[in-house]
Amino acid sequence: MSKEVEEEILQMLTEVKDDVIETKDLQRDYHLMIRELVASIRELYTEVKNSRQRIDELEAQVAEQNERIARLEKKIEQREDASGVENIH
């Protein structure tokens, strides 16, 4: 082989080696990014789950308060009826 061909082959091999190194670096970077994304998604999932649970708790409290209000309104109505007071709104 001529010296020029050897140098050309060596140059091509060096470029391939550099490309492989760059590809490995990119692969490592992408792998880290994916791990971070997965961690973020898990955190968001937990937040959404906790928020839904809190919403359910608040809805239950609202329902209890609505029932309490309805009972109080009924008692007031019964007292007004018993005392002969006319309901004027």
PDB file of N, CA and C in Angstrom:
ATOM      1  N   MET A   1       0.842  -1.176   0.000  1.00  0.00           N
ATOM      2  CA  MET A   1       0.000   0.000   0.000  1.00  0.00           C
ATOM      3  C   MET A   1       0.884   1.236   0.000  1.00  0.00           C
ATOM      4  N   SER A   2       0.390   2.223  -0.685  1.00  0.00           N
ATOM      5  CA  SER A   2       1.163   3.462  -0.728  1.00  0.00           C
ATOM      6  C   SER A   2       0.968   4.231   0.580  1.00  0.00           C
ATOM      7  N   LYS A   3       1.847   5.115   0.815  1.00  0.00           N
ATOM      8  CA  LYS A   3       1.810   5.930   2.032  1.00  0.00           C
ATOM      9  C   LYS A   3       0.541   6.771   2.065  1.00  0.00           C
ATOM     10  N   GLU A   4       0.123   7.290   0.918  1.00  0.00           N
ATOM     11  CA  GLU A   4      -1.091   8.106   0.835  1.00  0.00           C
ATOM     12  C   GLU A   4      -2.322   7.294   1.209  1.00  0.00           C
ATOM     13  N   VAL A   5      -2.410   6.075   0.718  1.00  0.00           N
ATOM     14  CA  VAL A   5      -3.547   5.201   1.018  1.00  0.00           C
ATOM     15  C   VAL A   5      -3.563   4.882   2.506  1.00  0.00           C
ATOM     16  N   GLU A   6      -2.387   4.601   3.067  1.00  0.00           N
ATOM     17  CA  GLU A   6      -2.307   4.306   4.498  1.00  0.00           C
ATOM     18  C   GLU A   6      -2.764   5.505   5.324  1.00  0.00           C
ATOM     19  N   GLU A   7      -2.325   6.689   4.932  1.00  0.00           N
ATOM     20  CA  GLU A   7      -2.720   7.899   5.651  1.00  0.00           C
ATOM     21  C   GLU A   7      -4.221   8.142   5.522  1.00  0.00           C
ATOM     22  N   GLU A   8      -4.752   7.894   4.341  1.00  0.00           N
ATOM     23  CA  GLU A   8      -6.189   8.068   4.119  1.00  0.00           C
ATOM     24  C   GLU A   8      -6.983   7.082   4.971  1.00  0.00           C
ATOM     25  N   ILE A   9      -6.540   5.844   5.005  1.00  0.00           N
ATOM     26  CA  ILE A   9      -7.203   4.826   5.833  1.00  0.00           C
ATOM     27  C   ILE A   9      -7.100   5.207   7.305  1.00  0.00           C
ATOM     28  N   LEU A  10      -5.928   5.651   7.726  1.00  0.00           N
ATOM     29  CA  LEU A  10      -5.729   6.075   9.110  1.00  0.00           C
ATOM     30  C   LEU A  10      -6.642   7.250   9.447  1.00  0.00           C
ATOM     31  N   GLN A  11      -6.767   8.186   8.525  1.00  0.00           N
ATOM     32  CA  GLN A  11      -7.649   9.336   8.723  1.00  0.00           C
ATOM     33  C   GLN A  11      -9.099   8.879   8.856  1.00  0.00           C
ATOM     34  N   MET A  12      -9.530   7.963   7.999  1.00  0.00           N
ATOM     35  CA  MET A  12     -10.899   7.443   8.058  1.00  0.00           C
ATOM     36  C   MET A  12     -11.141   6.717   9.375  1.00  0.00           C
ATOM     37  N   LEU A  13     -10.175   5.920   9.806  1.00  0.00           N
ATOM     38  CA  LEU A  13     -10.315   5.203  11.074  1.00  0.00           C
ATOM     39  C   LEU A  13     -10.387   6.171  12.253  1.00  0.00           C
ATOM     40  N   THR A  14      -9.605   7.222  12.190  1.00  0.00           N
ATOM     41  CA  THR A  14      -9.635   8.243  13.243  1.00  0.00           C
ATOM     42  C   THR A  14     -11.000   8.921  13.285  1.00  0.00           C
ATOM     43  N   GLU A  15     -11.547   9.230  12.127  1.00  0.00           N
ATOM     44  CA  GLU A  15     -12.873   9.850  12.062  1.00  0.00           C
ATOM     45  C   GLU A  15     -13.939   8.906  12.611  1.00  0.00           C
ATOM     46  N   VAL A  16     -13.833   7.637  12.249  1.00  0.00           N
ATOM     47  CA  VAL A  16     -14.792   6.651  12.759  1.00  0.00           C
ATOM     48  C   VAL A  16     -14.675   6.557  14.277  1.00  0.00           C
ATOM     49  N   LYS A  17     -13.444   6.510  14.776  1.00  0.00           N
ATOM     50  CA  LYS A  17     -13.211   6.448  16.219  1.00  0.00           C
ATOM     51  C   LYS A  17     -13.826   7.663  16.905  1.00  0.00           C
ATOM     52  N   ASP A  18     -13.599   8.854  16.343  1.00  0.00           N
ATOM     53  CA  ASP A  18     -14.170  10.080  16.905  1.00  0.00           C
ATOM     54  C   ASP A  18     -15.699  10.032  16.894  1.00  0.00           C
ATOM     55  N   ASP A  19     -16.258   9.525  15.798  1.00  0.00           N
ATOM     56  CA  ASP A  19     -17.714   9.393  15.702  1.00  0.00           C
ATOM     57  C   ASP A  19     -18.248   8.427  16.755  1.00  0.00           C
ATOM     58  N   VAL A  20     -17.544   7.339  16.972  1.00  0.00           N
ATOM     59  CA  VAL A  20     -17.970   6.358  17.978  1.00  0.00           C
ATOM     60  C   VAL A  20     -17.938   6.989  19.365  1.00  0.00           C
ATOM     61  N   ILE A  21     -16.870   7.714  19.659  1.00  0.00           N
ATOM     62  CA  ILE A  21     -16.759   8.380  20.961  1.00  0.00           C
ATOM     63  C   ILE A  21     -17.882   9.401  21.133  1.00  0.00           C
ATOM     64  N   GLU A  22     -18.126  10.183  20.104  1.00  0.00           N
ATOM     65  CA  GLU A  22     -19.191  11.182  20.162  1.00  0.00           C
ATOM     66  C   GLU A  22     -20.552  10.512  20.347  1.00  0.00           C
ATOM     67  N   THR A  23     -20.772   9.425  19.633  1.00  0.00           N
ATOM     68  CA  THR A  23     -22.030   8.692  19.752  1.00  0.00           C
ATOM     69  C   THR A  23     -22.211   8.144  21.164  1.00  0.00           C
ATOM     70  N   LYS A  24     -21.144   7.611  21.733  1.00  0.00           N
ATOM     71  CA  LYS A  24     -21.224   7.101  23.106  1.00  0.00           C
ATOM     72  C   LYS A  24     -21.519   8.230  24.088  1.00  0.00           C
ATOM     73  N   ASP A  25     -20.890   9.372  23.883  1.00  0.00           N
ATOM     74  CA  ASP A  25     -21.152  10.527  24.745  1.00  0.00           C
ATOM     75  C   ASP A  25     -22.609  10.963  24.637  1.00  0.00           C
ATOM     76  N   LEU A  26     -23.098  11.047  23.408  1.00  0.00           N
ATOM     77  CA  LEU A  26     -24.499  11.417  23.202  1.00  0.00           C
ATOM     78  C   LEU A  26     -25.434  10.394  23.827  1.00  0.00           C
ATOM     79  N   GLN A  27     -25.102   9.131  23.654  1.00  0.00           N
ATOM     80  CA  GLN A  27     -25.926   8.072  24.224  1.00  0.00           C
ATOM     81  C   GLN A  27     -25.980   8.212  25.747  1.00  0.00           C
ATOM     82  N   ARG A  28     -24.843   8.481  26.366  1.00  0.00           N
ATOM     83  CA  ARG A  28     -24.793   8.661  27.813  1.00  0.00           C
ATOM     84  C   ARG A  28     -25.623   9.881  28.224  1.00  0.00           C
ATOM     85  N   ASP A  29     -25.486  10.976  27.484  1.00  0.00           N
ATOM     86  CA  ASP A  29     -26.259  12.180  27.783  1.00  0.00           C
ATOM     87  C   ASP A  29     -27.756  11.915  27.657  1.00  0.00           C
ATOM     88  N   TYR A  30     -28.156  11.243  26.584  1.00  0.00           N
ATOM     89  CA  TYR A  30     -29.572  10.925  26.393  1.00  0.00           C
ATOM     90  C   TYR A  30     -30.076  10.002  27.487  1.00  0.00           C
ATOM     91  N   HIS A  31     -29.260   9.062  27.883  1.00  0.00           N
ATOM     92  CA  HIS A  31     -29.646   8.143  28.953  1.00  0.00           C
ATOM     93  C   HIS A  31     -29.894   8.923  30.252  1.00  0.00           C
ATOM     94  N   LEU A  32     -29.012   9.861  30.566  1.00  0.00           N
ATOM     95  CA  LEU A  32     -29.193  10.682  31.765  1.00  0.00           C
ATOM     96  C   LEU A  32     -30.445  11.550  31.659  1.00  0.00           C
ATOM     97  N   MET A  33     -30.668  12.109  30.479  1.00  0.00           N
ATOM     98  CA  MET A  33     -31.863  12.928  30.280  1.00  0.00           C
ATOM     99  C   MET A  33     -33.121  12.096  30.462  1.00  0.00           C
ATOM    100  N   ILE A  34     -33.121  10.889  29.935  1.00  0.00           N
ATOM    101  CA  ILE A  34     -34.283  10.010  30.066  1.00  0.00           C
ATOM    102  C   ILE A  34     -34.511   9.657  31.532  1.00  0.00           C
ATOM    103  N   ARG A  35     -33.441   9.378  32.258  1.00  0.00           N
ATOM    104  CA  ARG A  35     -33.583   9.068  33.686  1.00  0.00           C
ATOM    105  C   ARG A  35     -34.192  10.245  34.432  1.00  0.00           C
ATOM    106  N   GLU A  36     -33.731  11.459  34.116  1.00  0.00           N
ATOM    107  CA  GLU A  36     -34.280  12.653  34.751  1.00  0.00           C
ATOM    108  C   GLU A  36     -35.749  12.837  34.392  1.00  0.00           C
ATOM    109  N   LEU A  37     -36.090  12.595  33.134  1.00  0.00           N
ATOM    110  CA  LEU A  37     -37.486  12.709  32.713  1.00  0.00           C
ATOM    111  C   LEU A  37     -38.368  11.697  33.430  1.00  0.00           C
ATOM    112  N   VAL A  38     -37.886  10.479  33.552  1.00  0.00           N
ATOM    113  CA  VAL A  38     -38.651   9.441  34.253  1.00  0.00           C
ATOM    114  C   VAL A  38     -38.859   9.847  35.711  1.00  0.00           C
ATOM    115  N   ALA A  39     -37.821  10.367  36.344  1.00  0.00           N
ATOM    116  CA  ALA A  39     -37.941  10.815  37.732  1.00  0.00           C
ATOM    117  C   ALA A  39     -38.960  11.949  37.841  1.00  0.00           C
ATOM    118  N   SER A  40     -38.925  12.883  36.899  1.00  0.00           N
ATOM    119  CA  SER A  40     -39.882  13.993  36.901  1.00  0.00           C
ATOM    120  C   SER A  40     -41.303  13.492  36.701  1.00  0.00           C
ATOM    121  N   ILE A  41     -41.473  12.560  35.794  1.00  0.00           N
ATOM    122  CA  ILE A  41     -42.806  12.004  35.539  1.00  0.00           C
ATOM    123  C   ILE A  41     -43.325  11.293  36.778  1.00  0.00           C
ATOM    124  N   ARG A  42     -42.458  10.559  37.455  1.00  0.00           N
ATOM    125  CA  ARG A  42     -42.881   9.881  38.690  1.00  0.00           C
ATOM    126  C   ARG A  42     -43.306  10.895  39.748  1.00  0.00           C
ATOM    127  N   GLU A  43     -42.540  11.972  39.887  1.00  0.00           N
ATOM    128  CA  GLU A  43     -42.899  13.010  40.852  1.00  0.00           C
ATOM    129  C   GLU A  43     -44.243  13.639  40.497  1.00  0.00           C
ATOM    130  N   LEU A  44     -44.429  13.945  39.224  1.00  0.00           N
ATOM    131  CA  LEU A  44     -45.695  14.533  38.787  1.00  0.00           C
ATOM    132  C   LEU A  44     -46.855  13.579  39.018  1.00  0.00           C
ATOM    133  N   TYR A  45     -46.642  12.299  38.746  1.00  0.00           N
ATOM    134  CA  TYR A  45     -47.681  11.302  38.972  1.00  0.00           C
ATOM    135  C   TYR A  45     -48.074  11.282  40.450  1.00  0.00           C
ATOM    136  N   THR A  46     -47.069  11.322  41.323  1.00  0.00           N
ATOM    137  CA  THR A  46     -47.340  11.325  42.757  1.00  0.00           C
ATOM    138  C   THR A  46     -48.110  12.580  43.153  1.00  0.00           C
ATOM    139  N   GLU A  47     -47.718  13.729  42.607  1.00  0.00           N
ATOM    140  CA  GLU A  47     -48.424  14.973  42.902  1.00  0.00           C
ATOM    141  C   GLU A  47     -49.878  14.907  42.442  1.00  0.00           C
ATOM    142  N   VAL A  48     -50.094  14.395  41.242  1.00  0.00           N
ATOM    143  CA  VAL A  48     -51.459  14.286  40.718  1.00  0.00           C
ATOM    144  C   VAL A  48     -52.278  13.338  41.587  1.00  0.00           C
ATOM    145  N   LYS A  49     -51.687  12.219  41.950  1.00  0.00           N
ATOM    146  CA  LYS A  49     -52.372  11.238  42.798  1.00  0.00           C
ATOM    147  C   LYS A  49     -52.748  11.866  44.140  1.00  0.00           C
ATOM    148  N   ASN A  50     -51.802  12.579  44.752  1.00  0.00           N
ATOM    149  CA  ASN A  50     -52.075  13.233  46.033  1.00  0.00           C
ATOM    150  C   ASN A  50     -53.123  14.330  45.882  1.00  0.00           C
ATOM    151  N   SER A  51     -53.069  15.059  44.779  1.00  0.00           N
ATOM    152  CA  SER A  51     -54.054  16.114  44.537  1.00  0.00           C
ATOM    153  C   SER A  51     -55.446  15.523  44.364  1.00  0.00           C
ATOM    154  N   ARG A  52     -55.536  14.433  43.636  1.00  0.00           N
ATOM    155  CA  ARG A  52     -56.842  13.780  43.462  1.00  0.00           C
ATOM    156  C   ARG A  52     -57.385  13.299  44.799  1.00  0.00           C
ATOM    157  N   GLN A  53     -56.506  12.750  45.620  1.00  0.00           N
ATOM    158  CA  GLN A  53     -56.921  12.275  46.938  1.00  0.00           C
ATOM    159  C   GLN A  53     -57.414  13.456  47.782  1.00  0.00           C
ATOM    160  N   ARG A  54     -56.692  14.568  47.725  1.00  0.00           N
ATOM    161  CA  ARG A  54     -57.091  15.758  48.485  1.00  0.00           C
ATOM    162  C   ARG A  54     -58.414  16.301  47.962  1.00  0.00           C
ATOM    163  N   ILE A  55     -58.606  16.292  46.664  1.00  0.00           N
ATOM    164  CA  ILE A  55     -59.878  16.739  46.081  1.00  0.00           C
ATOM    165  C   ILE A  55     -61.014  15.859  46.574  1.00  0.00           C
ATOM    166  N   ASP A  56     -60.808  14.551  46.589  1.00  0.00           N
ATOM    167  CA  ASP A  56     -61.833  13.634  47.096  1.00  0.00           C
ATOM    168  C   ASP A  56     -62.168  13.943  48.552  1.00  0.00           C
ATOM    169  N   GLU A  57     -61.134  14.207  49.353  1.00  0.00           N
ATOM    170  CA  GLU A  57     -61.356  14.542  50.761  1.00  0.00           C
ATOM    171  C   GLU A  57     -62.156  15.832  50.891  1.00  0.00           C
ATOM    172  N   LEU A  58     -61.801  16.837  50.105  1.00  0.00           N
ATOM    173  CA  LEU A  58     -62.508  18.114  50.153  1.00  0.00           C
ATOM    174  C   LEU A  58     -63.951  17.971  49.677  1.00  0.00           C
ATOM    175  N   GLU A  59     -64.166  17.159  48.641  1.00  0.00           N
ATOM    176  CA  GLU A  59     -65.532  16.927  48.168  1.00  0.00           C
ATOM    177  C   GLU A  59     -66.365  16.243  49.242  1.00  0.00           C
ATOM    178  N   ALA A  60     -65.760  15.315  49.975  1.00  0.00           N
ATOM    179  CA  ALA A  60     -66.466  14.643  51.067  1.00  0.00           C
ATOM    180  C   ALA A  60     -66.807  15.648  52.165  1.00  0.00           C
ATOM    181  N   GLN A  61     -65.885  16.551  52.471  1.00  0.00           N
ATOM    182  CA  GLN A  61     -66.154  17.574  53.480  1.00  0.00           C
ATOM    183  C   GLN A  61     -67.280  18.506  53.034  1.00  0.00           C
ATOM    184  N   VAL A  62     -67.264  18.877  51.762  1.00  0.00           N
ATOM    185  CA  VAL A  62     -68.323  19.734  51.228  1.00  0.00           C
ATOM    186  C   VAL A  62     -69.670  19.027  51.333  1.00  0.00           C
ATOM    187  N   ALA A  63     -69.699  17.746  50.998  1.00  0.00           N
ATOM    188  CA  ALA A  63     -70.948  16.981  51.091  1.00  0.00           C
ATOM    189  C   ALA A  63     -71.436  16.936  52.537  1.00  0.00           C
ATOM    190  N   GLU A  64     -70.524  16.719  53.478  1.00  0.00           N
ATOM    191  CA  GLU A  64     -70.905  16.707  54.896  1.00  0.00           C
ATOM    192  C   GLU A  64     -71.451  18.064  55.325  1.00  0.00           C
ATOM    193  N   GLN A  65     -70.801  19.135  54.906  1.00  0.00           N
ATOM    194  CA  GLN A  65     -71.258  20.478  55.266  1.00  0.00           C
ATOM    195  C   GLN A  65     -72.614  20.782  54.629  1.00  0.00           C
ATOM    196  N   ASN A  66     -72.808  20.334  53.396  1.00  0.00           N
ATOM    197  CA  ASN A  66     -74.104  20.534  52.742  1.00  0.00           C
ATOM    198  C   ASN A  66     -75.208  19.796  53.486  1.00  0.00           C
ATOM    199  N   GLU A  67     -74.914  18.573  53.939  1.00  0.00           N
ATOM    200  CA  GLU A  67     -75.895  17.820  54.728  1.00  0.00           C
ATOM    201  C   GLU A  67     -76.184  18.538  56.040  1.00  0.00           C
ATOM    202  N   ARG A  68     -75.153  19.053  56.665  1.00  0.00           N
ATOM    203  CA  ARG A  68     -75.321  19.781  57.931  1.00  0.00           C
ATOM    204  C   ARG A  68     -76.170  21.028  57.708  1.00  0.00           C
ATOM    205  N   ILE A  69     -75.887  21.756  56.639  1.00  0.00           N
ATOM    206  CA  ILE A  69     -76.674  22.951  56.318  1.00  0.00           C
ATOM    207  C   ILE A  69     -78.128  22.577  56.079  1.00  0.00           C
ATOM    208  N   ALA A  70     -78.348  21.494  55.344  1.00  0.00           N
ATOM    209  CA  ALA A  70     -79.722  21.055  55.065  1.00  0.00           C
ATOM    210  C   ALA A  70     -80.443  20.708  56.368  1.00  0.00           C
ATOM    211  N   ARG A  71     -79.753  20.030  57.289  1.00  0.00           N
ATOM    212  CA  ARG A  71     -80.377  19.687  58.580  1.00  0.00           C
ATOM    213  C   ARG A  71     -80.695  20.950  59.384  1.00  0.00           C
ATOM    214  N   LEU A  72     -79.761  21.893  59.390  1.00  0.00           N
ATOM    215  CA  LEU A  72     -79.993  23.143  60.119  1.00  0.00           C
ATOM    216  C   LEU A  72     -81.146  23.931  59.505  1.00  0.00           C
ATOM    217  N   GLU A  73     -81.200  23.977  58.187  1.00  0.00           N
ATOM    218  CA  GLU A  73     -82.308  24.675  57.528  1.00  0.00           C
ATOM    219  C   GLU A  73     -83.635  24.020  57.871  1.00  0.00           C
ATOM    220  N   LYS A  74     -83.630  22.687  57.931  1.00  0.00           N
ATOM    221  CA  LYS A  74     -84.855  21.963  58.271  1.00  0.00           C
ATOM    222  C   LYS A  74     -85.269  22.266  59.711  1.00  0.00           C
ATOM    223  N   LYS A  75     -84.303  22.310  60.633  1.00  0.00           N
ATOM    224  CA  LYS A  75     -84.612  22.634  62.028  1.00  0.00           C
ATOM    225  C   LYS A  75     -85.166  24.047  62.140  1.00  0.00           C
ATOM    226  N   ILE A  76     -84.556  24.981  61.422  1.00  0.00           N
ATOM    227  CA  ILE A  76     -85.037  26.364  61.453  1.00  0.00           C
ATOM    228  C   ILE A  76     -86.454  26.432  60.921  1.00  0.00           C
ATOM    229  N   GLU A  77     -86.696  25.721  59.827  1.00  0.00           N
ATOM    230  CA  GLU A  77     -88.036  25.702  59.233  1.00  0.00           C
ATOM    231  C   GLU A  77     -89.047  25.114  60.211  1.00  0.00           C
ATOM    232  N   GLN A  78     -88.666  24.030  60.888  1.00  0.00           N
ATOM    233  CA  GLN A  78     -89.566  23.402  61.860  1.00  0.00           C
ATOM    234  C   GLN A  78     -89.849  24.346  63.024  1.00  0.00           C
ATOM    235  N   ARG A  79     -88.828  25.049  63.497  1.00  0.00           N
ATOM    236  CA  ARG A  79     -89.022  25.994  64.609  1.00  0.00           C
ATOM    237  C   ARG A  79     -89.909  27.154  64.182  1.00  0.00           C
ATOM    238  N   GLU A  80     -89.683  27.630  62.961  1.00  0.00           N
ATOM    239  CA  GLU A  80     -90.523  28.724  62.473  1.00  0.00           C
ATOM    240  C   GLU A  80     -91.969  28.266  62.346  1.00  0.00           C
ATOM    241  N   ASP A  81     -92.160  27.048  61.838  1.00  0.00           N
ATOM    242  CA  ASP A  81     -93.515  26.511  61.717  1.00  0.00           C
ATOM    243  C   ASP A  81     -94.137  26.324  63.091  1.00  0.00           C
ATOM    244  N   ALA A  82     -93.343  25.860  64.048  1.00  0.00           N
ATOM    245  CA  ALA A  82     -93.854  25.613  65.397  1.00  0.00           C
ATOM    246  C   ALA A  82     -94.188  26.916  66.103  1.00  0.00           C
ATOM    247  N   SER A  83     -93.470  27.972  65.839  1.00  0.00           N
ATOM    248  CA  SER A  83     -93.718  29.241  66.519  1.00  0.00           C
ATOM    249  C   SER A  83     -94.717  30.102  65.757  1.00  0.00           C
ATOM    250  N   GLY A  84     -95.124  29.645  64.600  1.00  0.00           N
ATOM    251  CA  GLY A  84     -96.108  30.379  63.821  1.00  0.00           C
ATOM    252  C   GLY A  84     -95.519  31.543  63.046  1.00  0.00           C
ATOM    253  N   VAL A  85     -94.248  31.601  62.974  1.00  0.00           N
ATOM    254  CA  VAL A  85     -93.597  32.679  62.220  1.00  0.00           C
ATOM    255  C   VAL A  85     -93.680  32.347  60.741  1.00  0.00           C
ATOM    256  N   GLU A  86     -94.061  33.345  59.985  1.00  0.00           N
ATOM    257  CA  GLU A  86     -94.167  33.129  58.548  1.00  0.00           C
ATOM    258  C   GLU A  86     -92.793  33.300  57.909  1.00  0.00           C
ATOM    259  N   ASN A  87     -92.487  32.409  56.998  1.00  0.00           N
ATOM    260  CA  ASN A  87     -91.206  32.432  56.284  1.00  0.00           C
ATOM    261  C   ASN A  87     -91.232  33.528  55.230  1.00  0.00           C
ATOM    262  N   ILE A  88     -90.459  34.567  55.436  1.00  0.00           N
ATOM    263  CA  ILE A  88     -90.376  35.639  54.448  1.00  0.00           C
ATOM    264  C   ILE A  88     -88.924  35.764  54.015  1.00  0.00           C
ATOM    265  N   HIS A  89     -88.709  35.629  52.733  1.00  0.00           N
ATOM    266  CA  HIS A  89     -87.342  35.723  52.198  1.00  0.00           C
ATOM    267  C   HIS A  89     -87.257  36.859  51.247  1.00  0.00           C
TER     268      HIS A  89
END
